[in-house]
């Protein structure tokens, strides 16, 4: 198996948003099955392309690579002892560089008005795979959304039936009206989305939370909602609000935020009648 085949498979996995890890022999001593430069690509399901020598050593390397993918960690340098005392027969030592190649986290921006457009543009620039969703086909134009990976024109009630959501999905709710916002939030809470951000005022939050509790959602469910969405930077314009929201998205992407969710909901600064960072009247 040539290096070209490994790199071609890596390109295909990235195109298909499939998680994998690249394994390269970077150093070896003594008797080893493959020397420096040998490459193997390991998919999350265990499928491999290429080889770093075969046998028990390669199986162990594949397991370590899959563990690295599941942990979502960064590159690691693994040293393996191939002596008989370690259960191998070669007798040498090998060092493997392992680098996970993970799909970009999905960002679903529900509402393609002024704030939504800003979040889409900045989210794409920050490395998210952005889907812009709205029930208005005309607003989902390339001119308004030049950087998104996908546009979805559909009723908000149907949104999460048409777009896959996993634990690495971020949802920002900034539609043109409270009724649509509520629909999206209610349905987003039924998914495993990692982040659900809602723009709005103090009174809007209170009304939504009361309605959601009546619908059967628990306090733990409500604590998944970040409202008002975004970091407290005193944002006013749609662009500034976009920066504050994407800043929060980056923060959540870069840390294990699950333990903080109960303390983060509704953390934005509140003015006399609501937060400074609100979609109105600019959400469009």
Protein backbone atom coordinates (compact mmCIF):
# COMPACT_ATOMS: atom_id res chain seq x y z
CA UNK A 1 0.00 0.00 0.00
CA UNK A 2 1.56 3.29 -1.10
CA UNK A 3 1.62 6.60 0.74
CA UNK A 4 -0.56 7.97 -2.05
CA UNK A 5 -3.33 5.50 -1.20
CA UNK A 6 -3.23 6.57 2.45
CA UNK A 7 -3.38 10.26 1.57
CA UNK A 8 -6.17 9.69 -0.95
CA UNK A 9 -8.17 7.84 1.71
CA UNK A 10 -7.53 10.69 4.15
CA UNK A 11 -8.91 13.15 1.60
CA UNK A 12 -12.02 10.98 1.06
CA UNK A 13 -12.64 10.69 4.80
CA UNK A 14 -12.42 14.45 5.19
CA UNK A 15 -14.82 14.98 2.28
CA UNK A 16 -17.29 12.58 3.89
CA UNK A 17 -16.82 14.12 7.38
CA UNK A 18 -15.59 10.78 8.77
CA UNK A 19 -13.36 10.73 11.82
CA UNK A 20 -10.00 9.01 11.43
CA UNK A 21 -6.41 9.11 12.67
CA UNK A 22 -3.15 9.19 10.75
CA UNK A 23 -0.42 6.95 12.21
CA UNK A 24 3.20 7.39 11.10
CA UNK A 25 6.32 5.55 12.22
CA UNK A 26 8.73 8.34 13.14
CA UNK A 27 11.53 6.38 14.86
CA UNK A 28 12.60 2.79 15.34
CA UNK A 29 15.33 0.85 17.07
CA UNK A 30 16.33 -2.76 16.66
CA UNK A 31 14.16 -5.26 14.87
CA UNK A 32 10.81 -3.73 13.88
CA UNK A 33 8.20 -4.65 11.24
CA UNK A 34 8.35 -1.26 9.47
CA UNK A 35 10.75 1.65 9.47
CA UNK A 36 10.29 5.41 9.75
CA UNK A 37 7.86 6.85 7.23
CA UNK A 38 5.44 3.91 7.21
CA UNK A 39 1.87 5.21 7.34
CA UNK A 40 -1.55 3.90 8.27
CA UNK A 41 -4.94 5.57 8.35
CA UNK A 42 -7.35 4.29 10.99
CA UNK A 43 -11.08 4.99 10.74
CA UNK A 44 -13.33 5.28 13.78
CA UNK A 45 -14.95 1.94 12.89
CA UNK A 46 -11.55 0.21 12.82
CA UNK A 47 -11.08 0.09 9.04
CA UNK A 48 -7.46 0.75 8.06
CA UNK A 49 -5.63 1.86 4.94
CA UNK A 50 -1.86 1.36 4.72
CA UNK A 51 0.33 -0.38 7.26
CA UNK A 52 2.86 0.30 10.00
CA UNK A 53 4.11 -3.27 9.97
CA UNK A 54 1.18 -5.55 10.61
CA UNK A 55 0.76 -8.11 13.35
CA UNK A 56 0.10 -7.47 17.02
CA UNK A 57 1.94 -4.14 16.96
CA UNK A 58 -0.34 -2.77 14.25
CA UNK A 59 -3.44 -4.02 16.06
CA UNK A 60 -2.33 -2.30 19.25
CA UNK A 61 -1.54 0.89 17.31
CA UNK A 62 -5.00 0.78 15.72
CA UNK A 63 -6.66 0.46 19.11
CA UNK A 64 -4.69 3.43 20.46
CA UNK A 65 -5.64 5.46 17.38
CA UNK A 66 -9.35 4.68 17.82
CA UNK A 67 -9.14 5.63 21.50
CA UNK A 68 -7.57 8.93 20.46
CA UNK A 69 -10.42 9.57 18.00
CA UNK A 70 -13.05 8.84 20.64
CA UNK A 71 -11.36 11.15 23.16
CA UNK A 72 -11.16 13.92 20.59
CA UNK A 73 -7.62 14.65 21.67
CA UNK A 74 -4.73 16.25 19.87
CA UNK A 75 -1.70 14.58 18.27
CA UNK A 76 0.26 12.15 20.42
CA UNK A 77 3.63 10.44 20.22
CA UNK A 78 3.37 6.78 21.24
CA UNK A 79 6.38 4.66 22.17
CA UNK A 80 5.98 0.89 21.88
CA UNK A 81 8.27 -1.79 23.22
CA UNK A 82 8.24 -4.82 20.91
CA UNK A 83 10.22 -7.16 23.16
CA UNK A 84 8.97 -10.56 24.26
CA UNK A 85 8.39 -9.27 27.78
CA UNK A 86 5.77 -6.94 26.29
CA UNK A 87 4.06 -9.70 24.34
CA UNK A 88 5.79 -9.06 21.00
CA UNK A 89 8.42 -10.98 19.08
CA UNK A 90 10.31 -8.39 17.03
CA UNK A 91 12.53 -7.26 19.88
CA UNK A 92 12.87 -3.62 18.90
CA UNK A 93 11.22 -0.34 19.79
CA UNK A 94 9.11 1.97 17.68
CA UNK A 95 7.74 5.48 18.04
CA UNK A 96 4.46 6.35 16.35
CA UNK A 97 3.04 9.79 15.66
CA UNK A 98 -0.75 9.71 15.83
CA UNK A 99 -2.89 12.61 14.70
CA UNK A 100 -6.69 12.51 14.84
CA UNK A 101 -8.48 14.05 11.87
CA UNK A 102 -11.95 14.93 13.11
CA UNK A 103 -14.88 16.43 11.19
CA UNK A 104 -15.51 20.10 11.78
CA UNK A 105 -18.19 20.61 14.44
CA UNK A 106 -21.58 21.37 12.92
CA UNK A 107 -23.14 24.77 13.58
CA UNK A 108 -26.84 25.11 12.74
CA UNK A 109 -27.93 28.74 12.57
CA UNK A 110 -31.71 28.88 12.75
CA UNK A 111 -32.72 32.15 11.16
CA UNK A 112 -30.84 33.84 8.33
CA UNK A 113 -31.51 37.49 9.16
CA UNK A 114 -28.81 40.03 9.98
CA UNK A 115 -27.58 38.34 13.16
CA UNK A 116 -27.82 34.89 11.60
CA UNK A 117 -25.78 35.99 8.61
CA UNK A 118 -23.08 37.38 10.90
CA UNK A 119 -22.97 34.17 12.94
CA UNK A 120 -22.76 32.08 9.75
CA UNK A 121 -19.88 34.09 8.32
CA UNK A 122 -17.87 34.19 11.55
CA UNK A 123 -18.67 30.60 12.44
CA UNK A 124 -17.35 29.36 9.11
CA UNK A 125 -14.22 31.49 9.56
CA UNK A 126 -13.73 29.90 13.01
CA UNK A 127 -13.78 26.40 11.54
CA UNK A 128 -17.37 25.26 12.00
CA UNK A 129 -19.30 23.41 9.31
CA UNK A 130 -22.19 25.86 9.04
CA UNK A 131 -25.77 25.10 8.07
CA UNK A 132 -28.07 28.10 7.65
CA UNK A 133 -31.76 27.29 8.07
CA UNK A 134 -34.81 29.45 7.44
CA UNK A 135 -38.33 29.03 6.11
CA UNK A 136 -37.74 31.88 3.65
CA UNK A 137 -36.07 30.57 0.52
CA UNK A 138 -35.24 34.04 -0.82
CA UNK A 139 -33.12 34.99 2.18
CA UNK A 140 -30.94 31.88 1.84
CA UNK A 141 -29.03 33.33 -1.09
CA UNK A 142 -25.29 32.99 -1.79
CA UNK A 143 -25.04 36.76 -1.55
CA UNK A 144 -26.32 36.72 2.03
CA UNK A 145 -24.54 33.51 3.04
CA UNK A 146 -21.33 33.19 1.04
CA UNK A 147 -19.46 31.00 3.55
CA UNK A 148 -21.96 28.37 4.66
CA UNK A 149 -21.55 24.70 3.85
CA UNK A 150 -25.26 24.01 3.58
CA UNK A 151 -28.55 25.90 3.39
CA UNK A 152 -31.84 24.37 4.43
CA UNK A 153 -35.15 25.95 3.45
CA UNK A 154 -37.91 24.30 5.44
CA UNK A 155 -40.47 24.89 8.15
CA UNK A 156 -38.79 25.20 11.53
CA UNK A 157 -40.98 22.37 12.85
CA UNK A 158 -39.26 20.02 10.40
CA UNK A 159 -35.72 21.29 10.79
CA UNK A 160 -34.22 18.60 13.02
CA UNK A 161 -35.90 15.84 11.03
CA UNK A 162 -33.86 16.94 8.03
CA UNK A 163 -30.52 17.86 9.61
CA UNK A 164 -28.53 15.32 11.66
CA UNK A 165 -27.65 16.44 15.19
CA UNK A 166 -25.05 14.79 17.41
CA UNK A 167 -23.14 15.67 20.57
CA UNK A 168 -20.77 17.82 18.55
CA UNK A 169 -23.53 19.99 17.08
CA UNK A 170 -24.06 23.63 18.05
CA UNK A 171 -27.45 25.32 17.53
CA UNK A 172 -27.98 29.08 17.48
CA UNK A 173 -31.59 30.27 17.51
CA UNK A 174 -32.14 33.71 15.97
CA UNK A 175 -35.30 33.49 13.87
CA UNK A 176 -37.51 36.46 13.04
CA UNK A 177 -40.12 35.80 15.73
CA UNK A 178 -40.70 34.38 19.20
CA UNK A 179 -43.01 31.65 17.94
CA UNK A 180 -40.37 30.29 15.58
CA UNK A 181 -37.69 30.63 18.27
CA UNK A 182 -39.77 28.58 20.67
CA UNK A 183 -40.39 25.88 18.07
CA UNK A 184 -36.68 25.54 17.38
CA UNK A 185 -35.69 25.51 21.06
CA UNK A 186 -38.32 22.93 21.96
CA UNK A 187 -37.19 20.62 19.19
CA UNK A 188 -33.48 21.25 19.81
CA UNK A 189 -33.91 20.09 23.41
CA UNK A 190 -35.04 16.72 22.05
CA UNK A 191 -31.66 16.29 20.34
CA UNK A 192 -28.21 15.63 21.87
CA UNK A 193 -26.92 19.03 20.66
CA UNK A 194 -23.90 20.19 22.64
CA UNK A 195 -24.94 23.85 22.65
CA UNK A 196 -28.31 25.59 22.24
CA UNK A 197 -28.00 29.37 22.14
CA UNK A 198 -31.07 31.63 22.19
CA UNK A 199 -31.14 35.37 21.60
CA UNK A 200 -33.64 37.33 23.62
CA UNK A 201 -34.53 39.41 26.63
CA UNK A 202 -35.05 38.59 30.29
CA UNK A 203 -38.83 38.54 29.85
CA UNK A 204 -38.52 36.29 26.78
CA UNK A 205 -36.37 33.85 28.71
CA UNK A 206 -38.87 33.71 31.58
CA UNK A 207 -41.81 33.15 29.23
CA UNK A 208 -39.99 30.44 27.26
CA UNK A 209 -38.83 28.60 30.37
CA UNK A 210 -42.32 28.60 31.86
CA UNK A 211 -43.78 27.26 28.63
CA UNK A 212 -41.05 24.61 28.33
CA UNK A 213 -41.64 23.43 31.89
CA UNK A 214 -45.35 23.14 31.11
CA UNK A 215 -44.39 21.04 28.08
CA UNK A 216 -42.58 18.63 30.40
CA UNK A 217 -38.96 19.79 30.21
CA UNK A 218 -36.92 19.61 33.40
CA UNK A 219 -34.59 22.17 34.93
CA UNK A 220 -31.70 20.05 33.64
CA UNK A 221 -33.12 20.42 30.13
CA UNK A 222 -33.48 24.18 30.51
CA UNK A 223 -29.92 24.49 31.79
CA UNK A 224 -28.76 23.35 28.34
CA UNK A 225 -29.99 26.64 26.91
CA UNK A 226 -27.54 29.53 26.76
CA UNK A 227 -29.66 32.67 26.90
CA UNK A 228 -28.94 35.38 26.11
CA UNK A 229 -26.51 33.68 23.77
CA UNK A 230 -22.99 35.05 23.51
CA UNK A 231 -20.21 36.40 25.66
CA UNK A 232 -20.86 39.56 27.64
CA UNK A 233 -19.03 42.15 25.54
CA UNK A 234 -21.79 44.74 25.40
CA UNK A 235 -22.56 43.91 21.78
CA UNK A 236 -25.09 46.09 19.97
CA UNK A 237 -24.88 45.60 16.20
CA UNK A 238 -25.59 42.32 14.40
CA UNK A 239 -21.89 41.98 13.65
CA UNK A 240 -20.89 42.55 17.29
CA UNK A 241 -23.54 40.08 18.43
CA UNK A 242 -22.14 37.61 15.91
CA UNK A 243 -18.67 37.99 17.40
CA UNK A 244 -20.00 37.48 20.94
CA UNK A 245 -21.89 34.31 19.97
CA UNK A 246 -19.08 32.76 17.96
CA UNK A 247 -16.68 33.59 20.79
CA UNK A 248 -18.89 31.56 23.10
CA UNK A 249 -19.08 28.75 20.57
CA UNK A 250 -15.29 28.61 20.40
CA UNK A 251 -15.10 28.57 24.19
CA UNK A 252 -17.51 25.64 24.35
CA UNK A 253 -15.71 23.80 21.56
CA UNK A 254 -12.34 24.14 23.29
CA UNK A 255 -13.32 22.96 26.72
CA UNK A 256 -15.45 20.37 28.40
CA UNK A 257 -18.33 22.70 29.11
CA UNK A 258 -20.88 20.14 30.25
CA UNK A 259 -20.17 20.68 33.95
CA UNK A 260 -20.70 24.44 33.56
CA UNK A 261 -23.94 24.45 31.61
CA UNK A 262 -26.11 24.90 34.65
CA UNK A 263 -24.20 28.05 35.56
CA UNK A 264 -23.89 29.50 32.07
CA UNK A 265 -27.55 29.69 31.06
CA UNK A 266 -28.72 33.28 31.06
CA UNK A 267 -25.31 34.65 31.95
CA UNK A 268 -25.39 37.62 29.55
CA UNK A 269 -25.55 41.13 31.00
CA UNK A 270 -29.11 42.39 31.53
CA UNK A 271 -30.29 45.93 31.02
CA UNK A 272 -33.43 47.41 32.58
CA UNK A 273 -35.68 45.40 30.26
CA UNK A 274 -33.41 42.67 29.01
CA UNK A 275 -29.89 41.94 27.76
CA UNK A 276 -27.77 44.29 25.72
CA UNK A 277 -27.04 41.35 23.42
CA UNK A 278 -30.41 40.72 21.83
CA UNK A 279 -31.49 40.06 18.29
CA UNK A 280 -34.16 42.77 18.24
CA UNK A 281 -34.61 44.89 16.28
CA UNK A 282 -31.82 43.70 14.01
CA UNK A 283 -32.48 39.96 13.68
CA UNK A 284 -34.47 40.50 10.52
